[in-house]
Amino acid sequence: MENLRQIIKEVISEYKFNKVYILTENFSANILLSEHLKYHIDNNIAPLQSVFRAGSQSHVGLLNEIRILWENQLLNVDEETKELFETSDLGKYGMFEGKKVPLDFPMEEEIIPEAEYQGKKVPLGKPKRGGAGSKKYYVYVKDPKTKNVKKVSFGDSGSLRSKINNSKARVAFAKRHKCGKGEPRTSAKYWSCRLPKFSKLLGIKTTYRGFW
């Protein structure tokens, strides 16, 4: 009988470990969950592997709901989602040019403005691979202080590959570099931390489009 109890205990423990979402003891029946979140909880689907199109209104709304419940200690999430919440503003909203926009999440369509850099027209905020310098990637950005266009090189200088598809490596990178801690857009760190967002532009094969 004692062995049976131990086996049941281990099964329950393993079940909890593999669950993406676990309602805490603070959760009550009076708290209403959206049908979207209920579906993801029932099917144990992680937020960043959602059934919704990445960056869509439904997906961002789902992330926002999960984050609010997590911040209020009503819902525990898997380690990857927890690390992303702790190291970024994923699931939060901010104001940009009078519009409410999701933070630290790629949008499917972005308007890429142009500016002049050393006498030629260049796209702003659109990373590219290669170019002069020792780094793998570069991007043109406008310095908000000087109003001048700056070329920012980022990425490693060797043959190392980006481990975007490795969830543990992604979380470790974000934690090690303290991604989402207010790094300026004109810094190499800002763009390195957001590499997955621009993976398609840079020719990196991955389906992951979230924050590091």
N, C-alpha and C. Protein backbone atom coordinates (compact mmCIF):
# COMPACT_ATOMS: atom_id res chain seq x y z
N MET A 1 0.83 -1.21 0.00
CA MET A 1 0.00 0.00 0.00
C MET A 1 0.87 1.26 0.00
N GLU A 2 1.94 1.21 0.79
CA GLU A 2 2.84 2.36 0.87
C GLU A 2 3.51 2.62 -0.48
N ASN A 3 3.88 1.53 -1.17
CA ASN A 3 4.49 1.67 -2.50
C ASN A 3 3.51 2.28 -3.49
N LEU A 4 2.24 1.93 -3.37
CA LEU A 4 1.22 2.46 -4.26
C LEU A 4 1.05 3.96 -4.04
N ARG A 5 1.05 4.38 -2.75
CA ARG A 5 0.95 5.80 -2.44
C ARG A 5 2.11 6.58 -3.05
N GLN A 6 3.31 5.99 -2.96
CA GLN A 6 4.50 6.65 -3.49
C GLN A 6 4.41 6.79 -5.01
N ILE A 7 3.91 5.75 -5.67
CA ILE A 7 3.76 5.79 -7.12
C ILE A 7 2.77 6.88 -7.54
N ILE A 8 1.64 6.95 -6.81
CA ILE A 8 0.63 7.97 -7.10
C ILE A 8 1.20 9.36 -6.89
N LYS A 9 1.98 9.53 -5.82
CA LYS A 9 2.60 10.82 -5.50
C LYS A 9 3.55 11.25 -6.63
N GLU A 10 4.32 10.30 -7.13
CA GLU A 10 5.27 10.60 -8.21
C GLU A 10 4.55 10.95 -9.50
N VAL A 11 3.46 10.25 -9.78
CA VAL A 11 2.68 10.53 -10.99
C VAL A 11 2.09 11.93 -10.93
N ILE A 12 1.53 12.30 -9.78
CA ILE A 12 0.96 13.64 -9.60
C ILE A 12 2.04 14.70 -9.75
N SER A 13 3.20 14.44 -9.15
CA SER A 13 4.32 15.38 -9.24
C SER A 13 4.75 15.57 -10.68
N GLU A 14 4.85 14.48 -11.43
CA GLU A 14 5.26 14.54 -12.82
C GLU A 14 4.20 15.26 -13.65
N TYR A 15 2.94 15.05 -13.32
CA TYR A 15 1.84 15.70 -14.03
C TYR A 15 1.94 17.21 -13.85
N LYS A 16 2.18 17.66 -12.63
CA LYS A 16 2.30 19.09 -12.36
C LYS A 16 3.51 19.67 -13.07
N PHE A 17 4.61 18.91 -13.09
CA PHE A 17 5.84 19.39 -13.71
C PHE A 17 5.64 19.64 -15.20
N ASN A 18 4.85 18.78 -15.83
CA ASN A 18 4.65 18.90 -17.27
C ASN A 18 3.52 19.84 -17.64
N LYS A 19 2.79 20.34 -16.68
CA LYS A 19 1.71 21.25 -16.96
C LYS A 19 2.25 22.65 -17.22
N VAL A 20 1.74 23.30 -18.26
CA VAL A 20 2.14 24.68 -18.57
C VAL A 20 1.49 25.64 -17.58
N TYR A 21 0.21 25.38 -17.25
CA TYR A 21 -0.54 26.26 -16.36
C TYR A 21 -1.01 25.49 -15.12
N ILE A 22 -0.85 26.10 -13.96
CA ILE A 22 -1.39 25.53 -12.73
C ILE A 22 -2.06 26.65 -11.93
N LEU A 23 -3.35 26.53 -11.69
CA LEU A 23 -4.08 27.53 -10.90
C LEU A 23 -3.59 27.46 -9.45
N THR A 24 -3.33 28.59 -8.85
CA THR A 24 -2.83 28.62 -7.48
C THR A 24 -3.98 28.55 -6.48
N GLU A 25 -3.64 28.44 -5.22
CA GLU A 25 -4.65 28.37 -4.16
C GLU A 25 -5.36 29.72 -3.99
N ASN A 26 -4.79 30.78 -4.56
CA ASN A 26 -5.42 32.11 -4.49
C ASN A 26 -6.56 32.26 -5.50
N PHE A 27 -6.58 31.35 -6.47
CA PHE A 27 -7.60 31.42 -7.52
C PHE A 27 -8.97 31.03 -6.95
N SER A 28 -10.00 31.73 -7.39
CA SER A 28 -11.36 31.41 -6.92
C SER A 28 -12.30 31.25 -8.11
N ALA A 29 -13.43 30.65 -7.84
CA ALA A 29 -14.42 30.40 -8.89
C ALA A 29 -15.04 31.69 -9.42
N ASN A 30 -14.86 32.78 -8.68
CA ASN A 30 -15.42 34.07 -9.09
C ASN A 30 -14.60 34.73 -10.20
N ILE A 31 -13.40 34.22 -10.43
CA ILE A 31 -12.52 34.80 -11.46
C ILE A 31 -12.87 34.17 -12.81
N LEU A 32 -13.24 35.02 -13.74
CA LEU A 32 -13.65 34.53 -15.06
C LEU A 32 -12.45 34.44 -16.00
N LEU A 33 -12.32 33.31 -16.67
CA LEU A 33 -11.28 33.12 -17.67
C LEU A 33 -11.89 33.20 -19.06
N SER A 34 -11.15 33.74 -20.00
CA SER A 34 -11.65 33.79 -21.37
C SER A 34 -11.71 32.39 -21.96
N GLU A 35 -12.53 32.21 -22.96
CA GLU A 35 -12.62 30.91 -23.63
C GLU A 35 -11.29 30.54 -24.27
N HIS A 36 -10.56 31.56 -24.73
CA HIS A 36 -9.24 31.32 -25.34
C HIS A 36 -8.27 30.71 -24.33
N LEU A 37 -8.24 31.28 -23.13
CA LEU A 37 -7.32 30.77 -22.12
C LEU A 37 -7.76 29.39 -21.63
N LYS A 38 -9.06 29.20 -21.47
CA LYS A 38 -9.57 27.89 -21.03
C LYS A 38 -9.13 26.80 -22.01
N TYR A 39 -9.21 27.12 -23.29
CA TYR A 39 -8.82 26.13 -24.32
C TYR A 39 -7.34 25.79 -24.19
N HIS A 40 -6.49 26.81 -23.98
CA HIS A 40 -5.05 26.57 -23.88
C HIS A 40 -4.69 25.81 -22.60
N ILE A 41 -5.43 26.09 -21.52
CA ILE A 41 -5.20 25.37 -20.26
C ILE A 41 -5.63 23.90 -20.42
N ASP A 42 -6.82 23.69 -20.97
CA ASP A 42 -7.35 22.33 -21.12
C ASP A 42 -6.46 21.46 -22.01
N ASN A 43 -5.83 22.09 -23.00
CA ASN A 43 -4.99 21.35 -23.95
C ASN A 43 -3.50 21.51 -23.68
N ASN A 44 -3.18 22.18 -22.55
CA ASN A 44 -1.79 22.33 -22.11
C ASN A 44 -0.90 22.91 -23.22
N ILE A 45 -1.39 23.99 -23.85
CA ILE A 45 -0.66 24.65 -24.94
C ILE A 45 0.04 25.89 -24.40
N ALA A 46 1.35 25.94 -24.53
CA ALA A 46 2.14 27.07 -24.03
C ALA A 46 1.76 28.35 -24.78
N PRO A 47 1.86 29.52 -24.13
CA PRO A 47 1.47 30.79 -24.75
C PRO A 47 2.15 31.07 -26.08
N LEU A 48 3.45 30.77 -26.16
CA LEU A 48 4.17 31.09 -27.38
C LEU A 48 4.04 30.00 -28.45
N GLN A 49 3.33 28.92 -28.13
CA GLN A 49 2.99 27.90 -29.13
C GLN A 49 1.48 27.92 -29.36
N SER A 50 0.89 29.08 -29.12
CA SER A 50 -0.56 29.25 -29.19
C SER A 50 -1.13 28.86 -30.55
N VAL A 51 -2.43 28.55 -30.56
CA VAL A 51 -3.13 28.22 -31.80
C VAL A 51 -3.36 29.49 -32.63
N PHE A 52 -3.18 30.66 -32.01
CA PHE A 52 -3.41 31.91 -32.71
C PHE A 52 -2.16 32.34 -33.49
N ARG A 53 -2.37 33.10 -34.54
CA ARG A 53 -1.25 33.62 -35.32
C ARG A 53 -0.40 34.52 -34.43
N ALA A 54 0.90 34.30 -34.45
CA ALA A 54 1.81 35.09 -33.62
C ALA A 54 1.67 36.57 -33.94
N GLY A 55 1.45 37.37 -32.89
CA GLY A 55 1.31 38.81 -33.07
C GLY A 55 -0.10 39.26 -33.36
N SER A 56 -1.05 38.31 -33.53
CA SER A 56 -2.43 38.69 -33.81
C SER A 56 -3.07 39.26 -32.54
N GLN A 57 -4.19 39.93 -32.70
CA GLN A 57 -4.88 40.53 -31.56
C GLN A 57 -5.27 39.47 -30.53
N SER A 58 -5.71 38.31 -31.00
CA SER A 58 -6.10 37.23 -30.09
C SER A 58 -4.92 36.70 -29.30
N HIS A 59 -3.78 36.56 -29.97
CA HIS A 59 -2.58 36.03 -29.31
C HIS A 59 -2.06 37.00 -28.26
N VAL A 60 -1.98 38.28 -28.63
CA VAL A 60 -1.50 39.29 -27.68
C VAL A 60 -2.46 39.41 -26.50
N GLY A 61 -3.77 39.32 -26.78
CA GLY A 61 -4.76 39.38 -25.69
C GLY A 61 -4.60 38.21 -24.74
N LEU A 62 -4.31 37.04 -25.30
CA LEU A 62 -4.08 35.84 -24.48
C LEU A 62 -2.86 36.04 -23.57
N LEU A 63 -1.77 36.54 -24.13
CA LEU A 63 -0.56 36.79 -23.35
C LEU A 63 -0.82 37.80 -22.23
N ASN A 64 -1.60 38.83 -22.55
CA ASN A 64 -1.93 39.85 -21.56
C ASN A 64 -2.73 39.26 -20.40
N GLU A 65 -3.71 38.41 -20.72
CA GLU A 65 -4.53 37.77 -19.69
C GLU A 65 -3.68 36.86 -18.80
N ILE A 66 -2.82 36.07 -19.42
CA ILE A 66 -1.95 35.16 -18.66
C ILE A 66 -1.02 35.95 -17.75
N ARG A 67 -0.46 37.02 -18.28
CA ARG A 67 0.48 37.82 -17.49
C ARG A 67 -0.20 38.44 -16.28
N ILE A 68 -1.40 38.97 -16.45
CA ILE A 68 -2.13 39.59 -15.33
C ILE A 68 -2.41 38.56 -14.24
N LEU A 69 -2.85 37.37 -14.63
CA LEU A 69 -3.12 36.31 -13.65
C LEU A 69 -1.83 35.89 -12.94
N TRP A 70 -0.74 35.80 -13.71
CA TRP A 70 0.56 35.41 -13.15
C TRP A 70 1.08 36.47 -12.18
N GLU A 71 0.98 37.73 -12.54
CA GLU A 71 1.47 38.82 -11.68
C GLU A 71 0.67 38.90 -10.38
N ASN A 72 -0.60 38.50 -10.43
CA ASN A 72 -1.44 38.53 -9.23
C ASN A 72 -1.44 37.20 -8.49
N GLN A 73 -0.48 36.32 -8.86
CA GLN A 73 -0.28 35.03 -8.18
C GLN A 73 -1.54 34.16 -8.19
N LEU A 74 -2.27 34.24 -9.30
CA LEU A 74 -3.46 33.42 -9.46
C LEU A 74 -3.20 32.23 -10.38
N LEU A 75 -2.11 32.32 -11.14
CA LEU A 75 -1.78 31.29 -12.11
C LEU A 75 -0.26 31.11 -12.19
N ASN A 76 0.18 29.87 -12.05
CA ASN A 76 1.59 29.55 -12.26
C ASN A 76 1.76 29.07 -13.70
N VAL A 77 2.89 29.43 -14.30
CA VAL A 77 3.16 29.04 -15.68
C VAL A 77 4.46 28.26 -15.77
N ASP A 78 4.72 27.67 -16.93
CA ASP A 78 5.95 26.93 -17.10
C ASP A 78 7.16 27.85 -17.00
N GLU A 79 8.35 27.27 -16.80
CA GLU A 79 9.56 28.05 -16.55
C GLU A 79 9.91 28.98 -17.71
N GLU A 80 9.69 28.52 -18.93
CA GLU A 80 10.04 29.36 -20.09
C GLU A 80 9.20 30.62 -20.12
N THR A 81 7.88 30.46 -19.93
CA THR A 81 7.00 31.63 -19.93
C THR A 81 7.31 32.54 -18.76
N LYS A 82 7.58 31.96 -17.59
CA LYS A 82 7.94 32.74 -16.41
C LYS A 82 9.18 33.57 -16.65
N GLU A 83 10.21 32.97 -17.25
CA GLU A 83 11.46 33.68 -17.52
C GLU A 83 11.22 34.83 -18.50
N LEU A 84 10.38 34.59 -19.50
CA LEU A 84 10.08 35.64 -20.47
C LEU A 84 9.33 36.80 -19.82
N PHE A 85 8.40 36.49 -18.94
CA PHE A 85 7.68 37.54 -18.22
C PHE A 85 8.62 38.34 -17.32
N GLU A 86 9.59 37.64 -16.72
CA GLU A 86 10.51 38.29 -15.79
C GLU A 86 11.57 39.13 -16.50
N THR A 87 11.91 38.77 -17.74
CA THR A 87 13.00 39.45 -18.44
C THR A 87 12.52 40.35 -19.58
N SER A 88 11.22 40.48 -19.75
CA SER A 88 10.71 41.34 -20.82
C SER A 88 9.35 41.91 -20.41
N ASP A 89 8.79 42.73 -21.30
CA ASP A 89 7.45 43.29 -21.09
C ASP A 89 6.41 42.54 -21.90
N LEU A 90 6.73 41.31 -22.29
CA LEU A 90 5.82 40.49 -23.07
C LEU A 90 4.48 40.36 -22.34
N GLY A 91 3.39 40.64 -23.05
CA GLY A 91 2.07 40.57 -22.44
C GLY A 91 1.57 41.90 -21.91
N LYS A 92 2.42 42.94 -22.02
CA LYS A 92 2.01 44.27 -21.59
C LYS A 92 1.74 45.15 -22.81
N TYR A 93 1.04 46.25 -22.58
CA TYR A 93 0.76 47.20 -23.64
C TYR A 93 1.40 48.55 -23.32
N GLY A 94 1.70 49.32 -24.36
CA GLY A 94 2.22 50.67 -24.19
C GLY A 94 1.61 51.56 -25.26
N MET A 95 1.89 52.86 -25.19
CA MET A 95 1.37 53.80 -26.18
C MET A 95 2.49 54.22 -27.13
N PHE A 96 2.21 54.19 -28.42
CA PHE A 96 3.17 54.61 -29.43
C PHE A 96 2.44 55.44 -30.47
N GLU A 97 2.82 56.72 -30.56
CA GLU A 97 2.19 57.66 -31.49
C GLU A 97 0.67 57.64 -31.35
N GLY A 98 0.23 57.63 -30.09
CA GLY A 98 -1.20 57.69 -29.80
C GLY A 98 -1.95 56.39 -29.94
N LYS A 99 -1.24 55.31 -30.23
CA LYS A 99 -1.89 54.01 -30.39
C LYS A 99 -1.42 53.04 -29.32
N LYS A 100 -2.34 52.16 -28.89
CA LYS A 100 -2.02 51.12 -27.92
C LYS A 100 -1.37 49.96 -28.65
N VAL A 101 -0.14 49.62 -28.26
CA VAL A 101 0.59 48.56 -28.96
C VAL A 101 1.15 47.56 -27.95
N PRO A 102 1.29 46.30 -28.34
CA PRO A 102 1.90 45.29 -27.45
C PRO A 102 3.40 45.52 -27.37
N LEU A 103 3.97 45.30 -26.20
CA LEU A 103 5.40 45.50 -25.99
C LEU A 103 6.16 44.20 -26.17
N ASP A 104 7.38 44.32 -26.71
CA ASP A 104 8.29 43.18 -26.85
C ASP A 104 7.69 42.00 -27.61
N PHE A 105 6.86 42.32 -28.59
CA PHE A 105 6.31 41.25 -29.41
C PHE A 105 6.28 41.70 -30.85
N PRO A 106 6.72 40.83 -31.79
CA PRO A 106 6.74 41.22 -33.20
C PRO A 106 5.35 41.33 -33.79
N MET A 107 5.14 42.31 -34.62
CA MET A 107 3.89 42.44 -35.34
C MET A 107 4.10 41.90 -36.76
N GLU A 108 3.04 41.36 -37.34
CA GLU A 108 3.16 40.73 -38.65
C GLU A 108 3.52 41.74 -39.74
N GLU A 109 3.00 42.94 -39.62
CA GLU A 109 3.29 43.94 -40.63
C GLU A 109 3.76 45.21 -39.95
N GLU A 110 4.87 45.74 -40.41
CA GLU A 110 5.40 46.97 -39.85
C GLU A 110 5.74 47.91 -41.00
N ILE A 111 5.50 49.19 -40.80
CA ILE A 111 5.89 50.18 -41.79
C ILE A 111 7.34 50.53 -41.53
N ILE A 112 8.18 50.28 -42.51
CA ILE A 112 9.61 50.55 -42.36
C ILE A 112 9.92 51.91 -42.98
N PRO A 113 10.16 52.93 -42.16
CA PRO A 113 10.47 54.25 -42.71
C PRO A 113 11.88 54.27 -43.29
N GLU A 114 12.13 55.25 -44.14
CA GLU A 114 13.46 55.41 -44.72
C GLU A 114 14.11 56.69 -44.22
N ALA A 115 15.43 56.72 -44.28
CA ALA A 115 16.18 57.91 -43.90
C ALA A 115 17.48 57.91 -44.70
N GLU A 116 18.25 58.94 -44.52
CA GLU A 116 19.51 59.05 -45.26
C GLU A 116 20.69 58.77 -44.35
N TYR A 117 21.59 57.94 -44.84
CA TYR A 117 22.80 57.60 -44.09
C TYR A 117 23.99 57.67 -45.04
N GLN A 118 24.90 58.58 -44.74
CA GLN A 118 26.08 58.79 -45.58
C GLN A 118 25.71 58.97 -47.05
N GLY A 119 24.67 59.77 -47.28
CA GLY A 119 24.30 60.13 -48.64
C GLY A 119 23.42 59.15 -49.38
N LYS A 120 22.98 58.06 -48.71
CA LYS A 120 22.11 57.10 -49.39
C LYS A 120 20.87 56.80 -48.55
N LYS A 121 19.79 56.42 -49.24
CA LYS A 121 18.55 56.09 -48.56
C LYS A 121 18.66 54.70 -47.93
N VAL A 122 18.30 54.60 -46.67
CA VAL A 122 18.37 53.31 -45.97
C VAL A 122 17.07 53.10 -45.18
N PRO A 123 16.63 51.84 -45.00
CA PRO A 123 15.44 51.55 -44.19
C PRO A 123 15.79 51.60 -42.71
N LEU A 124 14.93 52.15 -41.91
CA LEU A 124 15.16 52.21 -40.47
C LEU A 124 14.50 51.03 -39.76
N GLY A 125 15.21 50.46 -38.80
CA GLY A 125 14.63 49.39 -37.99
C GLY A 125 14.44 48.09 -38.72
N LYS A 126 15.18 47.86 -39.81
CA LYS A 126 15.07 46.63 -40.58
C LYS A 126 16.44 45.95 -40.63
N PRO A 127 16.71 45.03 -39.71
CA PRO A 127 18.02 44.37 -39.64
C PRO A 127 18.36 43.60 -40.91
N LYS A 128 19.65 43.58 -41.22
CA LYS A 128 20.14 42.83 -42.38
C LYS A 128 21.35 42.00 -41.99
N ARG A 129 21.61 40.99 -42.80
CA ARG A 129 22.77 40.14 -42.57
C ARG A 129 23.97 40.67 -43.35
N GLY A 130 25.17 40.52 -42.74
CA GLY A 130 26.40 40.87 -43.44
C GLY A 130 26.72 42.34 -43.39
N GLY A 131 27.43 42.83 -44.40
CA GLY A 131 27.84 44.22 -44.42
C GLY A 131 29.21 44.40 -43.81
N ALA A 132 29.70 45.60 -43.84
CA ALA A 132 31.04 45.88 -43.30
C ALA A 132 31.05 45.71 -41.79
N GLY A 133 32.21 45.29 -41.28
CA GLY A 133 32.33 45.11 -39.83
C GLY A 133 32.47 43.65 -39.48
N SER A 134 32.75 43.40 -38.20
CA SER A 134 33.01 42.03 -37.75
C SER A 134 31.77 41.29 -37.28
N LYS A 135 30.66 41.98 -37.11
CA LYS A 135 29.43 41.36 -36.62
C LYS A 135 28.61 40.76 -37.77
N LYS A 136 27.73 39.83 -37.41
CA LYS A 136 26.93 39.14 -38.43
C LYS A 136 25.83 40.01 -39.04
N TYR A 137 25.25 40.89 -38.21
CA TYR A 137 24.08 41.64 -38.64
C TYR A 137 24.28 43.14 -38.42
N TYR A 138 23.43 43.94 -39.08
CA TYR A 138 23.46 45.38 -38.87
C TYR A 138 22.06 45.95 -39.12
N VAL A 139 21.84 47.13 -38.58
CA VAL A 139 20.54 47.79 -38.73
C VAL A 139 20.76 49.30 -38.62
N TYR A 140 19.95 50.05 -39.32
CA TYR A 140 20.02 51.51 -39.25
C TYR A 140 18.92 52.00 -38.31
N VAL A 141 19.29 52.88 -37.40
CA VAL A 141 18.33 53.45 -36.46
C VAL A 141 18.58 54.95 -36.33
N LYS A 142 17.55 55.67 -35.93
CA LYS A 142 17.71 57.10 -35.71
C LYS A 142 17.90 57.38 -34.23
N ASP A 143 18.98 58.07 -33.91
CA ASP A 143 19.27 58.42 -32.52
C ASP A 143 18.29 59.50 -32.08
N PRO A 144 17.45 59.22 -31.06
CA PRO A 144 16.45 60.21 -30.64
C PRO A 144 17.05 61.50 -30.07
N LYS A 145 18.31 61.42 -29.63
CA LYS A 145 18.97 62.61 -29.05
C LYS A 145 19.55 63.51 -30.12
N THR A 146 20.30 62.91 -31.04
CA THR A 146 20.97 63.71 -32.07
C THR A 146 20.15 63.83 -33.35
N LYS A 147 19.14 62.96 -33.51
CA LYS A 147 18.31 62.89 -34.72
C LYS A 147 19.10 62.39 -35.92
N ASN A 148 20.32 61.92 -35.70
CA ASN A 148 21.14 61.39 -36.77
C ASN A 148 20.88 59.88 -36.94
N VAL A 149 21.08 59.38 -38.15
CA VAL A 149 20.93 57.96 -38.41
C VAL A 149 22.24 57.25 -38.05
N LYS A 150 22.10 56.15 -37.34
CA LYS A 150 23.27 55.40 -36.87
C LYS A 150 23.19 53.96 -37.36
N LYS A 151 24.34 53.40 -37.75
CA LYS A 151 24.40 52.01 -38.15
C LYS A 151 24.85 51.19 -36.95
N VAL A 152 24.03 50.23 -36.54
CA VAL A 152 24.34 49.41 -35.37
C VAL A 152 24.65 47.98 -35.83
N SER A 153 25.85 47.50 -35.51
CA SER A 153 26.23 46.13 -35.83
C SER A 153 26.01 45.27 -34.59
N PHE A 154 25.49 44.05 -34.78
CA PHE A 154 25.23 43.19 -33.63
C PHE A 154 25.37 41.73 -34.02
N GLY A 155 25.29 40.85 -33.04
CA GLY A 155 25.49 39.43 -33.28
C GLY A 155 26.94 39.07 -33.01
N ASP A 156 27.25 37.77 -32.94
CA ASP A 156 28.62 37.37 -32.65
C ASP A 156 29.51 37.60 -33.87
N SER A 157 30.80 37.62 -33.62
CA SER A 157 31.77 37.89 -34.68
C SER A 157 32.39 36.61 -35.24
N GLY A 158 31.95 35.45 -34.72
CA GLY A 158 32.53 34.19 -35.16
C GLY A 158 31.54 33.35 -35.94
N SER A 159 31.64 32.05 -35.79
CA SER A 159 30.78 31.13 -36.55
C SER A 159 29.69 30.51 -35.68
N LEU A 160 29.47 31.07 -34.49
CA LEU A 160 28.45 30.53 -33.59
C LEU A 160 27.06 30.71 -34.20
N ARG A 161 26.20 29.73 -33.98
CA ARG A 161 24.84 29.81 -34.50
C ARG A 161 23.89 30.28 -33.41
N SER A 162 22.87 31.02 -33.83
CA SER A 162 21.86 31.48 -32.88
C SER A 162 20.99 30.30 -32.45
N LYS A 163 20.83 30.10 -31.16
CA LYS A 163 20.09 28.95 -30.65
C LYS A 163 18.64 29.32 -30.36
N ILE A 164 17.99 29.89 -31.36
CA ILE A 164 16.61 30.36 -31.18
C ILE A 164 15.65 29.22 -30.91
N ASN A 165 15.88 28.06 -31.53
CA ASN A 165 14.97 26.94 -31.37
C ASN A 165 15.18 26.16 -30.07
N ASN A 166 16.20 26.53 -29.31
CA ASN A 166 16.49 25.87 -28.03
C ASN A 166 15.91 26.73 -26.91
N SER A 167 14.80 26.29 -26.32
CA SER A 167 14.10 27.10 -25.31
C SER A 167 14.99 27.43 -24.12
N LYS A 168 15.80 26.46 -23.66
CA LYS A 168 16.67 26.71 -22.52
C LYS A 168 17.74 27.75 -22.86
N ALA A 169 18.28 27.65 -24.07
CA ALA A 169 19.30 28.61 -24.51
C ALA A 169 18.71 30.01 -24.64
N ARG A 170 17.45 30.09 -25.13
CA ARG A 170 16.80 31.39 -25.26
C ARG A 170 16.64 32.06 -23.91
N VAL A 171 16.13 31.30 -22.95
CA VAL A 171 15.89 31.84 -21.61
C VAL A 171 17.21 32.25 -20.96
N ALA A 172 18.24 31.41 -21.13
CA ALA A 172 19.55 31.70 -20.54
C ALA A 172 20.14 32.98 -21.14
N PHE A 173 19.96 33.15 -22.45
CA PHE A 173 20.47 34.34 -23.13
C PHE A 173 19.81 35.60 -22.58
N ALA A 174 18.46 35.57 -22.49
CA ALA A 174 17.72 36.73 -22.00
C ALA A 174 18.10 37.08 -20.57
N LYS A 175 18.32 36.06 -19.77
CA LYS A 175 18.67 36.28 -18.38
C LYS A 175 20.10 36.82 -18.26
N ARG A 176 21.01 36.24 -19.04
CA ARG A 176 22.41 36.63 -18.99
C ARG A 176 22.61 38.07 -19.46
N HIS A 177 21.87 38.46 -20.49
CA HIS A 177 22.02 39.80 -21.06
C HIS A 177 21.01 40.80 -20.49
N LYS A 178 20.16 40.31 -19.57
CA LYS A 178 19.16 41.17 -18.93
C LYS A 178 18.30 41.88 -19.98
N CYS A 179 17.82 41.09 -20.93
CA CYS A 179 16.99 41.64 -22.00
C CYS A 179 15.69 42.24 -21.44
N GLY A 180 15.27 43.33 -22.03
CA GLY A 180 14.05 43.98 -21.60
C GLY A 180 14.22 44.90 -20.42
N LYS A 181 15.46 45.22 -20.08
CA LYS A 181 15.72 46.07 -18.92
C LYS A 181 16.02 47.51 -19.34
N GLY A 182 15.39 47.96 -20.40
CA GLY A 182 15.51 49.36 -20.79
C GLY A 182 16.69 49.68 -21.69
N GLU A 183 17.22 48.69 -22.40
CA GLU A 183 18.34 48.97 -23.30
C GLU A 183 17.88 49.87 -24.44
N PRO A 184 18.69 50.88 -24.82
CA PRO A 184 18.28 51.81 -25.88
C PRO A 184 18.24 51.15 -27.24
N ARG A 185 17.38 51.64 -28.09
CA ARG A 185 17.21 51.09 -29.43
C ARG A 185 18.47 51.25 -30.28
N THR A 186 19.33 52.17 -29.89
CA THR A 186 20.57 52.42 -30.63
C THR A 186 21.71 51.50 -30.19
N SER A 187 21.43 50.56 -29.29
CA SER A 187 22.48 49.67 -28.79
C SER A 187 22.43 48.31 -29.48
N ALA A 188 23.59 47.65 -29.56
CA ALA A 188 23.67 46.31 -30.14
C ALA A 188 22.89 45.33 -29.28
N LYS A 189 22.87 45.57 -27.98
CA LYS A 189 22.16 44.68 -27.05
C LYS A 189 20.66 44.65 -27.36
N TYR A 190 20.10 45.80 -27.68
CA TYR A 190 18.67 45.88 -27.98
C TYR A 190 18.31 44.94 -29.13
N TRP A 191 19.11 44.96 -30.20
CA TRP A 191 18.81 44.17 -31.38
C TRP A 191 19.16 42.70 -31.19
N SER A 192 20.21 42.42 -30.43
CA SER A 192 20.56 41.03 -30.14
C SER A 192 19.46 40.37 -29.33
N CYS A 193 18.88 41.12 -28.38
CA CYS A 193 17.82 40.59 -27.54
C CYS A 193 16.54 40.32 -28.33
N ARG A 194 16.40 41.00 -29.47
CA ARG A 194 15.18 40.85 -30.27
C ARG A 194 15.44 40.11 -31.57
N LEU A 195 16.52 39.35 -31.61
CA LEU A 195 16.88 38.61 -32.82
C LEU A 195 15.77 37.69 -33.34
N PRO A 196 15.05 36.94 -32.47
CA PRO A 196 13.99 36.06 -32.98
C PRO A 196 12.90 36.80 -33.75
N LYS A 197 12.65 38.04 -33.35
CA LYS A 197 11.60 38.82 -34.01
C LYS A 197 11.92 39.03 -35.50
N PHE A 198 13.22 39.15 -35.81
CA PHE A 198 13.63 39.46 -37.17
C PHE A 198 14.30 38.27 -37.86
N SER A 199 14.06 37.06 -37.34
CA SER A 199 14.73 35.87 -37.88
C SER A 199 14.45 35.67 -39.36
N LYS A 200 13.22 35.97 -39.79
CA LYS A 200 12.85 35.78 -41.20
C LYS A 200 13.67 36.70 -42.10
N LEU A 201 13.83 37.95 -41.66
CA LEU A 201 14.60 38.92 -42.43
C LEU A 201 16.07 38.52 -42.53
N LEU A 202 16.56 37.84 -41.49
CA LEU A 202 17.98 37.52 -41.41
C LEU A 202 18.29 36.12 -41.93
N GLY A 203 17.29 35.42 -42.42
CA GLY A 203 17.52 34.10 -42.99
C GLY A 203 17.74 33.01 -41.96
N ILE A 204 17.24 33.22 -40.74
CA ILE A 204 17.38 32.23 -39.68
C ILE A 204 16.15 31.34 -39.69
N LYS A 205 16.34 30.04 -39.79
CA LYS A 205 15.22 29.11 -39.87
C LYS A 205 14.66 28.81 -38.48
N THR A 206 13.48 29.32 -38.21
CA THR A 206 12.80 29.06 -36.94
C THR A 206 11.34 29.46 -37.06
N THR A 207 10.51 28.84 -36.26
CA THR A 207 9.10 29.23 -36.20
C THR A 207 8.83 30.07 -34.96
N TYR A 208 9.86 30.24 -34.14
CA TYR A 208 9.71 31.02 -32.90
C TYR A 208 9.81 32.51 -33.22
N ARG A 209 8.84 33.29 -32.76
CA ARG A 209 8.84 34.72 -33.07
C ARG A 209 8.72 35.57 -31.80
N GLY A 210 8.96 34.98 -30.66
CA GLY A 210 8.81 35.72 -29.41
C GLY A 210 10.06 36.44 -29.00
N PHE A 211 10.10 36.84 -27.76
CA PHE A 211 11.27 37.50 -27.18
C PHE A 211 12.29 36.44 -26.82
N TRP A 212 13.57 36.81 -26.76
CA TRP A 212 14.58 35.82 -26.35
C TRP A 212 14.20 35.21 -25.00
